[in-house]
C-alpha atoms as a PDB file:
ATOM      1  CA  UNK A   1     104.774  62.467 -39.127  1.00  0.00           C
ATOM      2  CA  UNK A   2     107.344  60.232 -40.787  1.00  0.00           C
ATOM      3  CA  UNK A   3     108.717  59.228 -37.375  1.00  0.00           C
ATOM      4  CA  UNK A   4     105.269  58.123 -36.211  1.00  0.00           C
ATOM      5  CA  UNK A   5     104.842  55.945 -39.271  1.00  0.00           C
ATOM      6  CA  UNK A   6     108.250  54.355 -38.654  1.00  0.00           C
ATOM      7  CA  UNK A   7     107.389  53.602 -35.014  1.00  0.00           C
ATOM      8  CA  UNK A   8     104.053  52.110 -35.983  1.00  0.00           C
ATOM      9  CA  UNK A   9     105.698  49.890 -38.589  1.00  0.00           C
ATOM     10  CA  UNK A  10     108.356  48.858 -36.105  1.00  0.00           C
ATOM     11  CA  UNK A  11     105.755  47.896 -33.511  1.00  0.00           C
ATOM     12  CA  UNK A  12     103.748  45.966 -36.090  1.00  0.00           C
ATOM     13  CA  UNK A  13     106.875  44.154 -37.201  1.00  0.00           C
ATOM     14  CA  UNK A  14     107.748  43.183 -33.638  1.00  0.00           C
ATOM     15  CA  UNK A  15     104.202  41.943 -33.034  1.00  0.00           C
ATOM     16  CA  UNK A  16     104.305  39.907 -36.229  1.00  0.00           C
ATOM     17  CA  UNK A  17     107.675  38.349 -35.339  1.00  0.00           C
ATOM     18  CA  UNK A  18     106.532  37.438 -31.835  1.00  0.00           C
ATOM     19  CA  UNK A  19     103.308  35.923 -33.091  1.00  0.00           C
ATOM     20  CA  UNK A  20     105.244  33.875 -35.653  1.00  0.00           C
ATOM     21  CA  UNK A  21     107.579  32.570 -32.942  1.00  0.00           C
ATOM     22  CA  UNK A  22     104.659  31.629 -30.715  1.00  0.00           C
ATOM     23  CA  UNK A  23     102.886  29.912 -33.608  1.00  0.00           C
ATOM     24  CA  UNK A  24     105.920  27.803 -34.529  1.00  0.00           C
ATOM     25  CA  UNK A  25     106.518  26.840 -30.898  1.00  0.00           C
ATOM     26  CA  UNK A  26     102.890  25.779 -30.567  1.00  0.00           C
ATOM     27  CA  UNK A  27     103.136  23.665 -33.694  1.00  0.00           C
ATOM     28  CA  UNK A  28     106.277  21.958 -32.419  1.00  0.00           C
ATOM     29  CA  UNK A  29     104.639  21.260 -29.076  1.00  0.00           C
ATOM     30  CA  UNK A  30     101.548  19.965 -30.815  1.00  0.00           C
ATOM     31  CA  UNK A  31     103.619  17.645 -33.014  1.00  0.00           C
ATOM     32  CA  UNK A  32     105.548  16.435 -29.994  1.00  0.00           C
ATOM     33  CA  UNK A  33     102.383  15.699 -28.031  1.00  0.00           C
ATOM     34  CA  UNK A  34     100.890  13.846 -31.000  1.00  0.00           C
ATOM     35  CA  UNK A  35     104.021  11.688 -31.264  1.00  0.00           C
ATOM     36  CA  UNK A  36     103.923  10.961 -27.539  1.00  0.00           C
ATOM     37  CA  UNK A  37     100.272  10.042 -27.785  1.00  0.00           C
ATOM     38  CA  UNK A  38     100.987   7.651 -30.655  1.00  0.00           C
ATOM     39  CA  UNK A  39     103.853   6.085 -28.738  1.00  0.00           C
ATOM     40  CA  UNK A  40     101.629   5.660 -25.709  1.00  0.00           C
ATOM     41  CA  UNK A  41      98.920   3.993 -27.794  1.00  0.00           C
ATOM     42  CA  UNK A  42     101.506   1.724 -29.372  1.00  0.00           C
ATOM     43  CA  UNK A  43     102.938   0.714 -26.015  1.00  0.00           C
ATOM     44  CA  UNK A  44      99.447  -0.037 -24.692  1.00  0.00           C
ATOM     45  CA  UNK A  45      98.740  -2.136 -27.764  1.00  0.00           C
ATOM     46  CA  UNK A  46     102.040  -3.975 -27.387  1.00  0.00           C
ATOM     47  CA  UNK A  47     101.381  -4.686 -23.729  1.00  0.00           C
ATOM     48  CA  UNK A  48      97.914  -6.023 -24.572  1.00  0.00           C
ATOM     49  CA  UNK A  49      99.409  -8.277 -27.239  1.00  0.00           C
ATOM     50  CA  UNK A  50     102.022  -9.471 -24.767  1.00  0.00           C
ATOM     51  CA  UNK A  51      99.313 -10.224 -22.193  1.00  0.00           C
ATOM     52  CA  UNK A  52      97.304 -12.107 -24.790  1.00  0.00           C
ATOM     53  CA  UNK A  53     100.357 -14.148 -25.787  1.00  0.00           C
ATOM     54  CA  UNK A  54     100.998 -15.013 -22.143  1.00  0.00           C
ATOM     55  CA  UNK A  55      97.383 -16.079 -21.697  1.00  0.00           C
ATOM     56  CA  UNK A  56      97.558 -18.294 -24.780  1.00  0.00           C
ATOM     57  CA  UNK A  57     100.859 -19.837 -23.642  1.00  0.00           C
ATOM     58  CA  UNK A  58      99.562 -20.460 -20.139  1.00  0.00           C
ATOM     59  CA  UNK A  59      96.390 -22.074 -21.512  1.00  0.00           C
ATOM     60  CA  UNK A  60      98.440 -24.355 -23.762  1.00  0.00           C
ATOM     61  CA  UNK A  61     100.412 -25.646 -20.792  1.00  0.00           C
END
């Protein structure tokens, strides 16, 4: 009976550890994708500003 309890606890521990690893990996991937999304938005904004500056410069000439 004691052996069964030990095996059950071992299996539960392994499941918990694996789920924790998966959770942390998902969080890191989520953070990374959010950073990439922000960088992409920033680059789009910068390119729009650059285009607007070029339009203003070309109109001044």
